[in-house]
């Protein structure tokens, strides 16, 4: 008899949360925005008021794992995470399924034009969902982050070329240094994946000026 514990897995129902601005059921254009590590959807979505228009709404799903971000002493400030490295394949599968289910839950019979913006950890999440999920994505914006390292860009190059892919970062973002920015672009260029890049003066945050520029007429 083995003394080592055995881990078993099973699927269970979860209650997911999503914050919205505007009216998803009647909007022809959705911006699905995915928060970063330690954030909550209701707080994160407030930065996206500039995107709301009569025919455009904002949908902010929340990561399924919540935790106290202020340590063991206070237990006052709560944040969420999309995944950790523990049981990572299952967690990725769970959040891809949850994001697909969110769109089905909120959408009318006519699928909206879908723009997905992922910030920080949400950028990795957004890139996986856009390529591995069942939801048709028209535009992908990775803000303060990069495509997931485990995406096979050769396999998904055609899908990424069909997307309107944009990278956004602040000039003082400590997580998107010049070297990392250049490495991300080289990785995409190696597979002939076109990308639009935008920068703004600032750090690791959602800034209203470049946000408005994303929906400004060309």
N, C-alpha and C. Protein backbone atom coordinates (compact mmCIF):
# COMPACT_ATOMS: atom_id res chain seq x y z
N UNK A 1 0.85 -1.20 0.00
CA UNK A 1 0.00 0.00 0.00
C UNK A 1 0.88 1.25 0.00
N UNK A 2 0.57 2.15 -0.91
CA UNK A 2 1.37 3.37 -1.02
C UNK A 2 1.00 4.34 0.09
N UNK A 3 2.06 5.00 0.63
CA UNK A 3 1.82 6.02 1.65
C UNK A 3 1.60 7.39 1.03
N UNK A 4 1.79 7.50 -0.28
CA UNK A 4 1.63 8.78 -0.95
C UNK A 4 0.15 9.09 -1.16
N UNK A 5 -0.26 10.35 -0.92
CA UNK A 5 -1.66 10.69 -1.16
C UNK A 5 -1.98 10.68 -2.65
N UNK A 6 -3.22 10.39 -2.97
CA UNK A 6 -3.69 10.43 -4.36
C UNK A 6 -4.62 11.62 -4.53
N UNK A 7 -4.40 12.36 -5.59
CA UNK A 7 -5.27 13.50 -5.90
C UNK A 7 -6.30 13.08 -6.92
N UNK A 8 -7.55 13.38 -6.65
CA UNK A 8 -8.65 13.07 -7.55
C UNK A 8 -9.24 14.39 -8.06
N UNK A 9 -9.75 14.40 -9.26
CA UNK A 9 -10.39 15.60 -9.80
C UNK A 9 -11.83 15.28 -10.16
N UNK A 10 -12.68 16.30 -10.03
CA UNK A 10 -14.07 16.17 -10.43
C UNK A 10 -14.58 17.54 -10.82
N UNK A 11 -15.55 17.56 -11.71
CA UNK A 11 -16.16 18.81 -12.14
C UNK A 11 -17.30 19.17 -11.20
N UNK A 12 -17.32 20.42 -10.74
CA UNK A 12 -18.39 20.90 -9.87
C UNK A 12 -18.92 22.21 -10.43
N UNK A 13 -20.14 22.55 -10.07
CA UNK A 13 -20.71 23.82 -10.50
C UNK A 13 -20.10 24.97 -9.70
N UNK A 14 -19.81 26.07 -10.37
CA UNK A 14 -19.30 27.28 -9.71
C UNK A 14 -20.21 28.45 -10.04
N UNK A 15 -20.24 29.43 -9.15
CA UNK A 15 -20.97 30.66 -9.41
C UNK A 15 -19.98 31.73 -9.83
N UNK A 16 -20.05 32.16 -11.07
CA UNK A 16 -19.15 33.17 -11.60
C UNK A 16 -19.79 34.54 -11.52
N UNK A 17 -18.95 35.58 -11.44
CA UNK A 17 -19.46 36.96 -11.40
C UNK A 17 -18.97 37.72 -12.62
N UNK A 18 -19.79 38.68 -13.06
CA UNK A 18 -19.43 39.52 -14.19
C UNK A 18 -20.05 40.90 -13.97
N UNK A 19 -19.26 41.94 -14.19
CA UNK A 19 -19.74 43.32 -14.09
C UNK A 19 -19.92 43.88 -15.49
N UNK A 20 -20.94 44.70 -15.68
CA UNK A 20 -21.21 45.25 -17.01
C UNK A 20 -21.44 46.75 -16.94
N UNK A 21 -21.11 47.41 -18.02
CA UNK A 21 -21.47 48.81 -18.26
C UNK A 21 -22.23 48.83 -19.58
N UNK A 22 -23.39 49.48 -19.61
CA UNK A 22 -24.22 49.44 -20.80
C UNK A 22 -25.13 48.23 -20.76
N UNK A 23 -25.72 47.91 -21.92
CA UNK A 23 -26.72 46.84 -22.00
C UNK A 23 -26.28 45.78 -22.98
N UNK A 24 -25.69 44.69 -22.49
CA UNK A 24 -25.19 43.65 -23.41
C UNK A 24 -26.25 43.08 -24.34
N UNK A 25 -27.49 42.94 -23.86
CA UNK A 25 -28.52 42.28 -24.66
C UNK A 25 -28.86 43.05 -25.93
N UNK A 26 -28.64 44.36 -25.93
CA UNK A 26 -29.00 45.18 -27.09
C UNK A 26 -27.80 45.79 -27.80
N UNK A 27 -26.62 45.69 -27.21
CA UNK A 27 -25.42 46.29 -27.82
C UNK A 27 -24.90 45.42 -28.95
N UNK A 28 -24.58 46.03 -30.06
CA UNK A 28 -24.02 45.29 -31.19
C UNK A 28 -22.54 45.07 -31.06
N UNK A 29 -21.89 45.83 -30.19
CA UNK A 29 -20.45 45.73 -30.01
C UNK A 29 -20.15 45.58 -28.52
N UNK A 30 -19.42 44.54 -28.18
CA UNK A 30 -19.01 44.31 -26.80
C UNK A 30 -17.50 44.48 -26.66
N UNK A 31 -17.11 45.05 -25.54
CA UNK A 31 -15.72 44.99 -25.10
C UNK A 31 -15.69 44.11 -23.86
N UNK A 32 -15.11 42.93 -23.99
CA UNK A 32 -14.94 42.04 -22.85
C UNK A 32 -13.56 42.32 -22.28
N UNK A 33 -13.52 42.80 -21.04
CA UNK A 33 -12.27 43.23 -20.43
C UNK A 33 -11.93 42.30 -19.26
N UNK A 34 -10.70 41.81 -19.26
CA UNK A 34 -10.25 40.84 -18.28
C UNK A 34 -9.22 41.46 -17.36
N UNK A 35 -9.51 41.45 -16.08
CA UNK A 35 -8.71 42.16 -15.08
C UNK A 35 -7.36 41.49 -14.84
N UNK A 36 -6.51 42.20 -14.13
CA UNK A 36 -5.21 41.67 -13.75
C UNK A 36 -5.25 40.95 -12.42
N UNK A 37 -4.09 40.45 -12.01
CA UNK A 37 -3.98 39.68 -10.77
C UNK A 37 -4.35 40.53 -9.57
N UNK A 38 -5.21 39.99 -8.71
CA UNK A 38 -5.57 40.66 -7.47
C UNK A 38 -6.62 41.74 -7.61
N UNK A 39 -7.26 41.85 -8.76
CA UNK A 39 -8.32 42.84 -8.97
C UNK A 39 -9.69 42.16 -8.95
N UNK A 40 -10.73 42.97 -8.80
CA UNK A 40 -12.10 42.49 -8.88
C UNK A 40 -12.81 43.16 -10.05
N UNK A 41 -13.76 42.45 -10.65
CA UNK A 41 -14.40 42.94 -11.86
C UNK A 41 -15.12 44.27 -11.65
N UNK A 42 -15.83 44.41 -10.54
CA UNK A 42 -16.62 45.63 -10.31
C UNK A 42 -15.73 46.86 -10.19
N UNK A 43 -14.54 46.68 -9.62
CA UNK A 43 -13.60 47.80 -9.52
C UNK A 43 -12.93 48.05 -10.87
N UNK A 44 -12.51 46.98 -11.51
CA UNK A 44 -11.76 47.09 -12.76
C UNK A 44 -12.60 47.74 -13.86
N UNK A 45 -13.88 47.39 -13.94
CA UNK A 45 -14.71 47.86 -15.05
C UNK A 45 -14.92 49.37 -15.02
N UNK A 46 -14.75 50.00 -13.86
CA UNK A 46 -15.00 51.44 -13.76
C UNK A 46 -14.06 52.25 -14.64
N UNK A 47 -12.89 51.69 -14.98
CA UNK A 47 -11.94 52.41 -15.84
C UNK A 47 -12.39 52.46 -17.29
N UNK A 48 -13.45 51.72 -17.64
CA UNK A 48 -13.82 51.56 -19.05
C UNK A 48 -15.07 52.35 -19.44
N UNK A 49 -15.46 53.29 -18.61
CA UNK A 49 -16.59 54.17 -18.98
C UNK A 49 -16.38 54.87 -20.32
N UNK A 50 -15.13 55.26 -20.69
CA UNK A 50 -14.94 55.91 -22.00
C UNK A 50 -15.35 55.05 -23.19
N UNK A 51 -15.47 53.74 -23.02
CA UNK A 51 -15.83 52.87 -24.14
C UNK A 51 -17.34 52.77 -24.36
N UNK A 52 -18.12 53.14 -23.36
CA UNK A 52 -19.56 52.91 -23.42
C UNK A 52 -20.22 53.89 -24.38
N UNK A 53 -21.09 53.36 -25.24
CA UNK A 53 -21.86 54.14 -26.22
C UNK A 53 -23.21 53.47 -26.36
N UNK A 54 -24.18 54.13 -27.04
CA UNK A 54 -25.51 53.53 -27.17
C UNK A 54 -25.50 52.10 -27.72
N UNK A 55 -24.57 51.81 -28.64
CA UNK A 55 -24.54 50.46 -29.22
C UNK A 55 -23.30 49.68 -28.78
N UNK A 56 -22.65 50.14 -27.70
CA UNK A 56 -21.42 49.49 -27.26
C UNK A 56 -21.44 49.35 -25.74
N UNK A 57 -21.14 48.14 -25.26
CA UNK A 57 -21.13 47.90 -23.82
C UNK A 57 -19.80 47.30 -23.40
N UNK A 58 -19.60 47.23 -22.10
CA UNK A 58 -18.39 46.64 -21.52
C UNK A 58 -18.81 45.50 -20.61
N UNK A 59 -18.15 44.36 -20.77
CA UNK A 59 -18.44 43.16 -19.98
C UNK A 59 -17.14 42.76 -19.28
N UNK A 60 -17.17 42.69 -17.96
CA UNK A 60 -15.96 42.37 -17.19
C UNK A 60 -16.18 41.12 -16.35
N UNK A 61 -15.83 39.95 -16.88
CA UNK A 61 -15.88 38.73 -16.07
C UNK A 61 -14.83 38.80 -14.95
N UNK A 62 -15.04 38.01 -13.94
CA UNK A 62 -14.11 37.96 -12.81
C UNK A 62 -13.48 36.57 -12.71
N UNK A 63 -12.21 36.53 -12.39
CA UNK A 63 -11.54 35.26 -12.17
C UNK A 63 -12.24 34.44 -11.10
N UNK A 64 -12.17 33.13 -11.23
CA UNK A 64 -12.93 32.26 -10.33
C UNK A 64 -12.27 32.08 -8.97
N UNK A 65 -11.03 32.48 -8.83
CA UNK A 65 -10.32 32.30 -7.55
C UNK A 65 -10.14 33.64 -6.86
N UNK A 66 -10.78 33.80 -5.69
CA UNK A 66 -10.65 35.04 -4.92
C UNK A 66 -9.84 34.78 -3.66
N UNK A 67 -9.17 35.83 -3.19
CA UNK A 67 -8.30 35.69 -2.02
C UNK A 67 -8.11 37.06 -1.39
N UNK A 68 -7.62 37.08 -0.16
CA UNK A 68 -7.31 38.34 0.51
C UNK A 68 -5.96 38.84 0.02
N UNK A 69 -5.94 40.07 -0.49
CA UNK A 69 -4.69 40.62 -1.02
C UNK A 69 -3.95 41.46 0.01
N UNK A 70 -4.55 41.67 1.19
CA UNK A 70 -3.90 42.49 2.21
C UNK A 70 -3.30 41.64 3.33
N UNK A 71 -3.07 40.39 3.05
CA UNK A 71 -2.39 39.53 4.03
C UNK A 71 -3.34 38.94 5.05
N UNK A 72 -2.77 38.18 5.97
CA UNK A 72 -3.56 37.46 6.96
C UNK A 72 -4.07 38.34 8.09
N UNK A 73 -3.49 39.53 8.25
CA UNK A 73 -3.84 40.35 9.41
C UNK A 73 -5.18 41.07 9.23
N UNK A 74 -5.38 41.73 8.06
CA UNK A 74 -6.56 42.55 7.91
C UNK A 74 -7.80 41.79 7.42
N UNK A 75 -7.63 41.02 6.35
CA UNK A 75 -8.76 40.31 5.73
C UNK A 75 -9.86 41.29 5.32
N UNK A 76 -9.46 42.40 4.69
CA UNK A 76 -10.43 43.40 4.26
C UNK A 76 -10.47 43.56 2.75
N UNK A 77 -9.32 43.52 2.12
CA UNK A 77 -9.24 43.75 0.67
C UNK A 77 -9.15 42.42 -0.07
N UNK A 78 -10.10 42.21 -0.99
CA UNK A 78 -10.19 40.96 -1.72
C UNK A 78 -9.85 41.20 -3.18
N UNK A 79 -9.15 40.28 -3.77
CA UNK A 79 -8.86 40.31 -5.20
C UNK A 79 -9.11 38.94 -5.80
N UNK A 80 -8.98 38.86 -7.12
CA UNK A 80 -9.22 37.60 -7.82
C UNK A 80 -8.04 37.28 -8.73
N UNK A 81 -7.91 36.02 -9.06
CA UNK A 81 -6.87 35.55 -9.96
C UNK A 81 -7.49 34.62 -10.98
N UNK A 82 -6.93 34.62 -12.18
CA UNK A 82 -7.41 33.71 -13.21
C UNK A 82 -6.88 32.30 -13.03
N UNK A 83 -5.67 32.18 -12.49
CA UNK A 83 -5.10 30.85 -12.32
C UNK A 83 -3.79 30.96 -11.56
N UNK A 84 -3.28 29.81 -11.13
CA UNK A 84 -1.91 29.69 -10.64
C UNK A 84 -1.28 28.51 -11.37
N UNK A 85 -0.06 28.19 -11.03
CA UNK A 85 0.59 27.05 -11.67
C UNK A 85 0.08 25.72 -11.13
N UNK A 86 -0.60 25.74 -9.98
CA UNK A 86 -1.15 24.51 -9.41
C UNK A 86 -2.35 24.05 -10.23
N UNK A 87 -2.34 22.82 -10.68
CA UNK A 87 -3.43 22.26 -11.50
C UNK A 87 -3.75 23.21 -12.67
N UNK A 88 -2.70 23.72 -13.31
CA UNK A 88 -2.85 24.80 -14.28
C UNK A 88 -3.71 24.41 -15.48
N UNK A 89 -3.56 23.20 -15.98
CA UNK A 89 -4.34 22.81 -17.16
C UNK A 89 -5.83 22.83 -16.85
N UNK A 90 -6.20 22.35 -15.66
CA UNK A 90 -7.60 22.37 -15.27
C UNK A 90 -8.10 23.79 -15.07
N UNK A 91 -7.28 24.65 -14.46
CA UNK A 91 -7.69 26.03 -14.23
C UNK A 91 -7.87 26.78 -15.55
N UNK A 92 -6.96 26.56 -16.50
CA UNK A 92 -7.11 27.20 -17.80
C UNK A 92 -8.39 26.72 -18.48
N UNK A 93 -8.62 25.42 -18.48
CA UNK A 93 -9.84 24.88 -19.07
C UNK A 93 -11.08 25.45 -18.41
N UNK A 94 -11.04 25.59 -17.08
CA UNK A 94 -12.19 26.11 -16.34
C UNK A 94 -12.48 27.56 -16.72
N UNK A 95 -11.42 28.40 -16.82
CA UNK A 95 -11.73 29.79 -17.12
C UNK A 95 -12.10 30.00 -18.58
N UNK A 96 -11.56 29.21 -19.48
CA UNK A 96 -12.00 29.29 -20.88
C UNK A 96 -13.48 28.93 -20.98
N UNK A 97 -13.88 27.85 -20.30
CA UNK A 97 -15.29 27.46 -20.29
C UNK A 97 -16.16 28.54 -19.65
N UNK A 98 -15.67 29.14 -18.57
CA UNK A 98 -16.45 30.17 -17.87
C UNK A 98 -16.63 31.42 -18.74
N UNK A 99 -15.59 31.79 -19.48
CA UNK A 99 -15.69 32.97 -20.35
C UNK A 99 -16.65 32.71 -21.50
N UNK A 100 -16.58 31.51 -22.09
CA UNK A 100 -17.55 31.15 -23.12
C UNK A 100 -18.97 31.20 -22.56
N UNK A 101 -19.16 30.67 -21.36
CA UNK A 101 -20.48 30.64 -20.74
C UNK A 101 -20.98 32.05 -20.43
N UNK A 102 -20.08 32.95 -20.08
CA UNK A 102 -20.47 34.34 -19.79
C UNK A 102 -21.08 34.99 -21.02
N UNK A 103 -20.43 34.80 -22.17
CA UNK A 103 -20.96 35.39 -23.41
C UNK A 103 -22.31 34.78 -23.75
N UNK A 104 -22.44 33.47 -23.64
CA UNK A 104 -23.73 32.85 -23.93
C UNK A 104 -24.82 33.34 -22.99
N UNK A 105 -24.46 33.57 -21.74
CA UNK A 105 -25.44 34.00 -20.74
C UNK A 105 -25.96 35.41 -21.01
N UNK A 106 -25.09 36.29 -21.46
CA UNK A 106 -25.46 37.70 -21.60
C UNK A 106 -25.90 38.07 -23.02
N UNK A 107 -25.53 37.26 -24.00
CA UNK A 107 -25.79 37.63 -25.40
C UNK A 107 -27.24 37.33 -25.78
N UNK A 108 -27.75 38.11 -26.72
CA UNK A 108 -29.02 37.82 -27.36
C UNK A 108 -28.76 36.74 -28.41
N UNK A 109 -29.77 36.45 -29.22
CA UNK A 109 -29.60 35.42 -30.24
C UNK A 109 -28.55 35.79 -31.28
N UNK A 110 -28.38 37.09 -31.53
CA UNK A 110 -27.40 37.55 -32.50
C UNK A 110 -26.06 37.80 -31.81
N UNK A 111 -25.01 37.06 -32.15
CA UNK A 111 -23.72 37.28 -31.49
C UNK A 111 -23.21 38.69 -31.75
N UNK A 112 -22.69 39.36 -30.74
CA UNK A 112 -22.17 40.71 -30.93
C UNK A 112 -20.80 40.70 -31.60
N UNK A 113 -20.39 41.87 -32.06
CA UNK A 113 -19.00 42.05 -32.46
C UNK A 113 -18.19 42.08 -31.17
N UNK A 114 -17.20 41.22 -31.06
CA UNK A 114 -16.54 41.01 -29.78
C UNK A 114 -15.10 41.50 -29.81
N UNK A 115 -14.82 42.46 -28.94
CA UNK A 115 -13.47 42.98 -28.73
C UNK A 115 -13.04 42.52 -27.35
N UNK A 116 -11.90 41.89 -27.24
CA UNK A 116 -11.41 41.38 -25.97
C UNK A 116 -10.15 42.14 -25.57
N UNK A 117 -10.17 42.70 -24.36
CA UNK A 117 -9.02 43.43 -23.84
C UNK A 117 -8.59 42.75 -22.54
N UNK A 118 -7.36 42.28 -22.51
CA UNK A 118 -6.81 41.68 -21.30
C UNK A 118 -5.72 42.54 -20.74
N UNK A 119 -5.80 42.80 -19.43
CA UNK A 119 -4.80 43.64 -18.75
C UNK A 119 -3.94 42.77 -17.85
N UNK A 120 -2.61 42.88 -17.99
CA UNK A 120 -1.67 42.20 -17.12
C UNK A 120 -1.91 40.69 -17.15
N UNK A 121 -2.22 40.04 -16.03
CA UNK A 121 -2.51 38.61 -16.05
C UNK A 121 -3.68 38.32 -16.99
N UNK A 122 -4.60 39.28 -17.10
CA UNK A 122 -5.74 39.11 -18.01
C UNK A 122 -5.34 39.08 -19.47
N UNK A 123 -4.16 39.61 -19.82
CA UNK A 123 -3.70 39.54 -21.21
C UNK A 123 -3.38 38.10 -21.59
N UNK A 124 -2.72 37.37 -20.70
CA UNK A 124 -2.45 35.96 -20.93
C UNK A 124 -3.76 35.19 -21.05
N UNK A 125 -4.69 35.48 -20.14
CA UNK A 125 -6.00 34.84 -20.15
C UNK A 125 -6.73 35.12 -21.46
N UNK A 126 -6.71 36.38 -21.89
CA UNK A 126 -7.41 36.77 -23.11
C UNK A 126 -6.85 36.07 -24.33
N UNK A 127 -5.53 35.93 -24.39
CA UNK A 127 -4.92 35.29 -25.57
C UNK A 127 -5.29 33.82 -25.65
N UNK A 128 -5.32 33.15 -24.49
CA UNK A 128 -5.72 31.74 -24.51
C UNK A 128 -7.19 31.60 -24.90
N UNK A 129 -8.03 32.42 -24.32
CA UNK A 129 -9.47 32.33 -24.62
C UNK A 129 -9.75 32.58 -26.10
N UNK A 130 -9.09 33.61 -26.66
CA UNK A 130 -9.32 33.96 -28.06
C UNK A 130 -8.99 32.80 -29.00
N UNK A 131 -8.01 31.97 -28.62
CA UNK A 131 -7.57 30.89 -29.50
C UNK A 131 -8.10 29.52 -29.10
N UNK A 132 -8.40 29.32 -27.84
CA UNK A 132 -8.84 28.01 -27.38
C UNK A 132 -10.33 27.94 -27.07
N UNK A 133 -11.00 29.09 -26.97
CA UNK A 133 -12.41 29.09 -26.62
C UNK A 133 -13.31 28.87 -27.83
N UNK A 134 -14.60 28.75 -27.55
CA UNK A 134 -15.60 28.56 -28.61
C UNK A 134 -16.20 29.88 -29.08
N UNK A 135 -15.81 30.99 -28.47
CA UNK A 135 -16.38 32.29 -28.79
C UNK A 135 -15.58 32.96 -29.90
N UNK A 136 -16.27 33.47 -30.91
CA UNK A 136 -15.61 34.16 -32.02
C UNK A 136 -15.19 35.56 -31.57
N UNK A 137 -13.90 35.83 -31.63
CA UNK A 137 -13.33 37.11 -31.20
C UNK A 137 -12.90 37.89 -32.44
N UNK A 138 -13.30 39.16 -32.52
CA UNK A 138 -12.96 39.99 -33.67
C UNK A 138 -11.69 40.80 -33.45
N UNK A 139 -11.43 41.16 -32.21
CA UNK A 139 -10.28 42.02 -31.93
C UNK A 139 -9.70 41.62 -30.59
N UNK A 140 -8.37 41.62 -30.50
CA UNK A 140 -7.69 41.25 -29.27
C UNK A 140 -6.70 42.34 -28.90
N UNK A 141 -6.87 42.89 -27.70
CA UNK A 141 -5.99 43.94 -27.19
C UNK A 141 -5.31 43.40 -25.93
N UNK A 142 -4.00 43.35 -25.95
CA UNK A 142 -3.22 42.90 -24.80
C UNK A 142 -2.54 44.12 -24.19
N UNK A 143 -2.97 44.48 -22.98
CA UNK A 143 -2.56 45.74 -22.36
C UNK A 143 -1.69 45.41 -21.14
N UNK A 144 -0.44 45.87 -21.16
CA UNK A 144 0.45 45.61 -20.04
C UNK A 144 0.74 44.13 -19.88
N UNK A 145 0.74 43.40 -20.98
CA UNK A 145 0.96 41.96 -20.93
C UNK A 145 1.30 41.43 -22.30
N UNK A 146 1.30 40.11 -22.42
CA UNK A 146 1.75 39.46 -23.65
C UNK A 146 0.92 38.22 -23.92
N UNK A 147 1.00 37.68 -25.14
CA UNK A 147 0.36 36.39 -25.39
C UNK A 147 0.93 35.32 -24.46
N UNK A 148 0.11 34.37 -24.09
CA UNK A 148 0.55 33.30 -23.20
C UNK A 148 1.77 32.59 -23.77
N UNK A 149 2.72 32.27 -22.92
CA UNK A 149 3.96 31.65 -23.37
C UNK A 149 3.74 30.25 -23.93
N UNK A 150 2.63 29.60 -23.52
CA UNK A 150 2.40 28.23 -23.96
C UNK A 150 1.56 28.14 -25.24
N UNK A 151 1.24 29.28 -25.84
CA UNK A 151 0.54 29.25 -27.12
C UNK A 151 1.51 28.89 -28.24
N UNK A 152 1.13 27.94 -29.04
CA UNK A 152 1.93 27.58 -30.21
C UNK A 152 1.57 28.55 -31.34
N UNK A 153 2.40 29.58 -31.51
CA UNK A 153 2.05 30.61 -32.49
C UNK A 153 2.10 30.08 -33.92
N UNK A 154 2.91 29.08 -34.16
CA UNK A 154 2.92 28.48 -35.50
C UNK A 154 1.57 27.83 -35.79
N UNK A 155 1.04 27.12 -34.81
CA UNK A 155 -0.24 26.44 -34.97
C UNK A 155 -1.39 27.44 -35.11
N UNK A 156 -1.30 28.56 -34.38
CA UNK A 156 -2.41 29.50 -34.33
C UNK A 156 -2.17 30.75 -35.17
N UNK A 157 -1.14 30.74 -36.00
CA UNK A 157 -0.78 31.95 -36.75
C UNK A 157 -1.93 32.45 -37.62
N UNK A 158 -2.62 31.54 -38.31
CA UNK A 158 -3.72 31.96 -39.19
C UNK A 158 -4.83 32.64 -38.39
N UNK A 159 -5.15 32.09 -37.22
CA UNK A 159 -6.19 32.68 -36.38
C UNK A 159 -5.77 34.05 -35.87
N UNK A 160 -4.50 34.18 -35.49
CA UNK A 160 -4.02 35.46 -35.00
C UNK A 160 -3.96 36.50 -36.11
N UNK A 161 -3.65 36.07 -37.33
CA UNK A 161 -3.65 37.02 -38.44
C UNK A 161 -5.05 37.54 -38.73
N UNK A 162 -6.05 36.71 -38.46
CA UNK A 162 -7.44 37.12 -38.70
C UNK A 162 -7.94 38.09 -37.63
N UNK A 163 -7.29 38.09 -36.47
CA UNK A 163 -7.66 39.02 -35.41
C UNK A 163 -7.03 40.39 -35.65
N UNK A 164 -7.67 41.40 -35.15
CA UNK A 164 -7.07 42.73 -35.10
C UNK A 164 -6.31 42.79 -33.78
N UNK A 165 -5.02 42.46 -33.82
CA UNK A 165 -4.22 42.33 -32.60
C UNK A 165 -3.51 43.64 -32.28
N UNK A 166 -3.67 44.10 -31.04
CA UNK A 166 -3.05 45.34 -30.59
C UNK A 166 -2.37 45.12 -29.26
N UNK A 167 -1.17 45.66 -29.11
CA UNK A 167 -0.45 45.66 -27.84
C UNK A 167 -0.39 47.08 -27.31
N UNK A 168 -0.69 47.26 -26.03
CA UNK A 168 -0.66 48.58 -25.40
C UNK A 168 0.18 48.48 -24.13
N UNK A 169 1.03 49.48 -23.89
CA UNK A 169 1.82 49.48 -22.66
C UNK A 169 2.23 50.90 -22.31
N UNK A 170 2.36 51.14 -21.02
CA UNK A 170 2.89 52.41 -20.56
C UNK A 170 4.40 52.46 -20.69
N UNK A 171 4.92 53.64 -20.94
CA UNK A 171 6.37 53.80 -21.11
C UNK A 171 7.14 53.52 -19.82
N UNK A 172 6.46 53.56 -18.68
CA UNK A 172 7.10 53.30 -17.40
C UNK A 172 6.55 52.03 -16.75
N UNK A 173 6.00 51.14 -17.54
CA UNK A 173 5.45 49.89 -17.01
C UNK A 173 6.61 48.96 -16.63
N UNK A 174 6.75 48.62 -15.35
CA UNK A 174 7.87 47.77 -14.96
C UNK A 174 7.75 46.33 -15.46
N UNK A 175 6.55 45.93 -15.87
CA UNK A 175 6.34 44.57 -16.33
C UNK A 175 6.48 44.43 -17.85
N UNK A 176 6.52 45.56 -18.54
CA UNK A 176 6.72 45.55 -20.00
C UNK A 176 7.89 46.47 -20.31
N UNK A 177 9.08 45.96 -20.06
CA UNK A 177 10.29 46.73 -20.33
C UNK A 177 10.53 46.79 -21.84
N UNK A 178 11.47 47.63 -22.24
CA UNK A 178 11.80 47.72 -23.66
C UNK A 178 12.24 46.37 -24.20
N UNK A 179 13.04 45.64 -23.42
CA UNK A 179 13.52 44.33 -23.88
C UNK A 179 12.37 43.35 -24.04
N UNK A 180 11.46 43.35 -23.08
CA UNK A 180 10.34 42.41 -23.17
C UNK A 180 9.42 42.80 -24.32
N UNK A 181 9.18 44.10 -24.48
CA UNK A 181 8.35 44.60 -25.58
C UNK A 181 8.92 44.15 -26.92
N UNK A 182 10.23 44.29 -27.07
CA UNK A 182 10.89 43.89 -28.31
C UNK A 182 10.80 42.38 -28.51
N UNK A 183 10.93 41.61 -27.42
CA UNK A 183 10.86 40.16 -27.53
C UNK A 183 9.46 39.70 -27.95
N UNK A 184 8.44 40.35 -27.43
CA UNK A 184 7.06 40.01 -27.81
C UNK A 184 6.86 40.26 -29.30
N UNK A 185 7.34 41.40 -29.77
CA UNK A 185 7.16 41.74 -31.18
C UNK A 185 7.95 40.78 -32.08
N UNK A 186 9.15 40.39 -31.65
CA UNK A 186 9.94 39.43 -32.44
C UNK A 186 9.23 38.09 -32.52
N UNK A 187 8.64 37.67 -31.42
CA UNK A 187 7.93 36.39 -31.40
C UNK A 187 6.77 36.40 -32.40
N UNK A 188 6.04 37.50 -32.45
CA UNK A 188 4.93 37.61 -33.40
C UNK A 188 5.44 37.72 -34.83
N UNK A 189 6.45 38.53 -35.05
CA UNK A 189 6.98 38.73 -36.40
C UNK A 189 7.56 37.44 -36.96
N UNK A 190 8.09 36.57 -36.10
CA UNK A 190 8.66 35.31 -36.57
C UNK A 190 7.62 34.43 -37.24
N UNK A 191 6.34 34.69 -36.94
CA UNK A 191 5.26 33.91 -37.53
C UNK A 191 4.38 34.78 -38.45
N UNK A 192 4.92 35.93 -38.85
CA UNK A 192 4.22 36.84 -39.77
C UNK A 192 2.84 37.22 -39.24
N UNK A 193 2.78 37.50 -37.95
CA UNK A 193 1.53 37.91 -37.32
C UNK A 193 1.56 39.43 -37.16
N UNK A 194 0.72 40.15 -37.89
CA UNK A 194 0.73 41.61 -37.79
C UNK A 194 0.20 42.07 -36.44
N UNK A 195 0.76 43.15 -35.94
CA UNK A 195 0.33 43.69 -34.65
C UNK A 195 0.46 45.20 -34.67
N UNK A 196 -0.51 45.86 -34.06
CA UNK A 196 -0.44 47.31 -33.86
C UNK A 196 0.03 47.56 -32.43
N UNK A 197 0.98 48.47 -32.25
CA UNK A 197 1.46 48.77 -30.91
C UNK A 197 1.14 50.22 -30.56
N UNK A 198 0.75 50.41 -29.30
CA UNK A 198 0.46 51.76 -28.80
C UNK A 198 1.11 51.91 -27.43
N UNK A 199 1.68 53.07 -27.20
CA UNK A 199 2.27 53.37 -25.89
C UNK A 199 1.68 54.66 -25.35
N UNK A 200 1.79 54.82 -24.05
CA UNK A 200 1.37 56.06 -23.40
C UNK A 200 2.32 56.34 -22.25
N UNK A 201 2.37 57.57 -21.83
CA UNK A 201 3.24 57.94 -20.71
C UNK A 201 2.58 57.50 -19.41
N UNK A 202 3.22 56.58 -18.74
CA UNK A 202 2.66 56.09 -17.49
C UNK A 202 3.11 54.68 -17.21
N UNK A 203 2.52 54.10 -16.16
CA UNK A 203 2.95 52.80 -15.69
C UNK A 203 1.96 51.69 -15.99
N UNK A 204 1.83 50.79 -15.03
CA UNK A 204 1.04 49.57 -15.20
C UNK A 204 -0.41 49.87 -14.80
N UNK A 205 -1.14 50.46 -15.73
CA UNK A 205 -2.52 50.87 -15.44
C UNK A 205 -3.28 51.03 -16.74
N UNK A 206 -4.60 51.12 -16.61
CA UNK A 206 -5.46 51.48 -17.74
C UNK A 206 -5.54 52.99 -17.79
N UNK A 207 -5.12 53.55 -18.91
CA UNK A 207 -5.10 55.01 -19.08
C UNK A 207 -6.21 55.42 -20.03
N UNK A 208 -6.98 56.47 -19.71
CA UNK A 208 -8.15 56.81 -20.54
C UNK A 208 -7.83 57.27 -21.95
N UNK A 209 -6.71 57.95 -22.16
CA UNK A 209 -6.42 58.49 -23.50
C UNK A 209 -6.21 57.36 -24.53
N UNK A 210 -5.30 56.42 -24.29
CA UNK A 210 -5.16 55.32 -25.27
C UNK A 210 -6.39 54.44 -25.33
N UNK A 211 -7.16 54.39 -24.24
CA UNK A 211 -8.39 53.61 -24.26
C UNK A 211 -9.38 54.22 -25.25
N UNK A 212 -9.54 55.53 -25.20
CA UNK A 212 -10.44 56.20 -26.15
C UNK A 212 -9.94 56.03 -27.58
N UNK A 213 -8.62 56.04 -27.75
CA UNK A 213 -8.05 55.91 -29.09
C UNK A 213 -8.42 54.56 -29.72
N UNK A 214 -8.67 53.54 -28.91
CA UNK A 214 -9.00 52.23 -29.43
C UNK A 214 -10.35 52.23 -30.15
N UNK A 215 -11.24 53.14 -29.79
CA UNK A 215 -12.55 53.19 -30.42
C UNK A 215 -12.77 54.45 -31.25
N UNK A 216 -11.71 55.27 -31.39
CA UNK A 216 -11.81 56.49 -32.18
C UNK A 216 -11.89 56.13 -33.67
N UNK A 217 -12.66 56.88 -34.46
CA UNK A 217 -12.72 56.61 -35.90
C UNK A 217 -11.34 56.72 -36.54
N UNK A 218 -11.06 55.84 -37.46
CA UNK A 218 -9.75 55.85 -38.12
C UNK A 218 -9.61 57.07 -39.01
